Amino acid sequence: MQYGDAAPDFMLQTLEGQPVSLYQSLQDHRSVLLIFLRHLG
C-alpha cells in the first residue's frame, strides 16, 4: 500500500443493527464516526 491508496471497503453495523457499507456511506456524503477499542487485558 502507498499513501493515498483507497481503503478497503467493509461492512459496518449501525446502532440499530443494520449493515451498511463504509464505501457507500462516504459516497453518500454521510458522516461516519469510527471508534477503535483495544483490550488491554
C-alpha atoms as a PDB file:
ATOM      1  CA  MET A   1       0.000   0.000   0.000  1.00  0.00           C
ATOM      2  CA  GLN A   2       1.036   3.533  -0.631  1.00  0.00           C
ATOM      3  CA  TYR A   3      -0.066   6.838   0.787  1.00  0.00           C
ATOM      4  CA  GLY A   4      -3.240   7.954  -0.949  1.00  0.00           C
ATOM      5  CA  ASP A   5      -4.469   4.448  -1.819  1.00  0.00           C
ATOM      6  CA  ALA A   6      -8.148   3.831  -1.242  1.00  0.00           C
ATOM      7  CA  ALA A   7      -9.013   1.990   1.942  1.00  0.00           C
ATOM      8  CA  PRO A   8     -10.621  -1.434   1.527  1.00  0.00           C
ATOM      9  CA  ASP A   9     -14.400  -1.460   1.721  1.00  0.00           C
ATOM     10  CA  PHE A  10     -16.009  -3.240   4.614  1.00  0.00           C
ATOM     11  CA  MET A  11     -19.404  -3.522   6.221  1.00  0.00           C
ATOM     12  CA  LEU A  12     -20.307  -1.657   9.398  1.00  0.00           C
ATOM     13  CA  GLN A  13     -23.279  -2.063  11.663  1.00  0.00           C
ATOM     14  CA  THR A  14     -25.458   0.882  12.673  1.00  0.00           C
ATOM     15  CA  LEU A  15     -26.727   1.360  16.219  1.00  0.00           C
ATOM     16  CA  GLU A  16     -29.994  -0.151  15.003  1.00  0.00           C
ATOM     17  CA  GLY A  17     -28.154  -3.260  13.817  1.00  0.00           C
ATOM     18  CA  GLN A  18     -28.458  -2.545  10.084  1.00  0.00           C
ATOM     19  CA  PRO A  19     -25.436  -3.410   7.906  1.00  0.00           C
ATOM     20  CA  VAL A  20     -24.031  -0.523   5.890  1.00  0.00           C
ATOM     21  CA  SER A  21     -21.078  -0.287   3.501  1.00  0.00           C
ATOM     22  CA  LEU A  22     -18.369   2.170   4.544  1.00  0.00           C
ATOM     23  CA  TYR A  23     -17.723   2.993   0.885  1.00  0.00           C
ATOM     24  CA  GLN A  24     -21.399   3.724   0.200  1.00  0.00           C
ATOM     25  CA  SER A  25     -21.691   5.895   3.304  1.00  0.00           C
ATOM     26  CA  LEU A  26     -18.768   8.014   2.154  1.00  0.00           C
ATOM     27  CA  GLN A  27     -20.178   8.219  -1.393  1.00  0.00           C
ATOM     28  CA  ASP A  28     -23.485   9.478   0.049  1.00  0.00           C
ATOM     29  CA  HIS A  29     -21.532  12.178   1.979  1.00  0.00           C
ATOM     30  CA  ARG A  30     -22.704  10.836   5.327  1.00  0.00           C
ATOM     31  CA  SER A  31     -20.721  11.440   8.463  1.00  0.00           C
ATOM     32  CA  VAL A  32     -19.059   8.318   9.817  1.00  0.00           C
ATOM     33  CA  LEU A  33     -17.563   8.007  13.281  1.00  0.00           C
ATOM     34  CA  LEU A  34     -15.234   5.039  13.785  1.00  0.00           C
ATOM     35  CA  ILE A  35     -14.253   4.020  17.288  1.00  0.00           C
ATOM     36  CA  PHE A  36     -11.438   1.535  17.759  1.00  0.00           C
ATOM     37  CA  LEU A  37     -11.282  -0.164  21.130  1.00  0.00           C
ATOM     38  CA  ARG A  38      -8.254  -2.027  22.328  1.00  0.00           C
ATOM     39  CA  HIS A  39      -8.487  -4.584  25.085  1.00  0.00           C
ATOM     40  CA  LEU A  40      -5.536  -4.151  27.422  1.00  0.00           C
ATOM     41  CA  GLY A  41      -6.087  -7.280  29.486  1.00  0.00           C
END
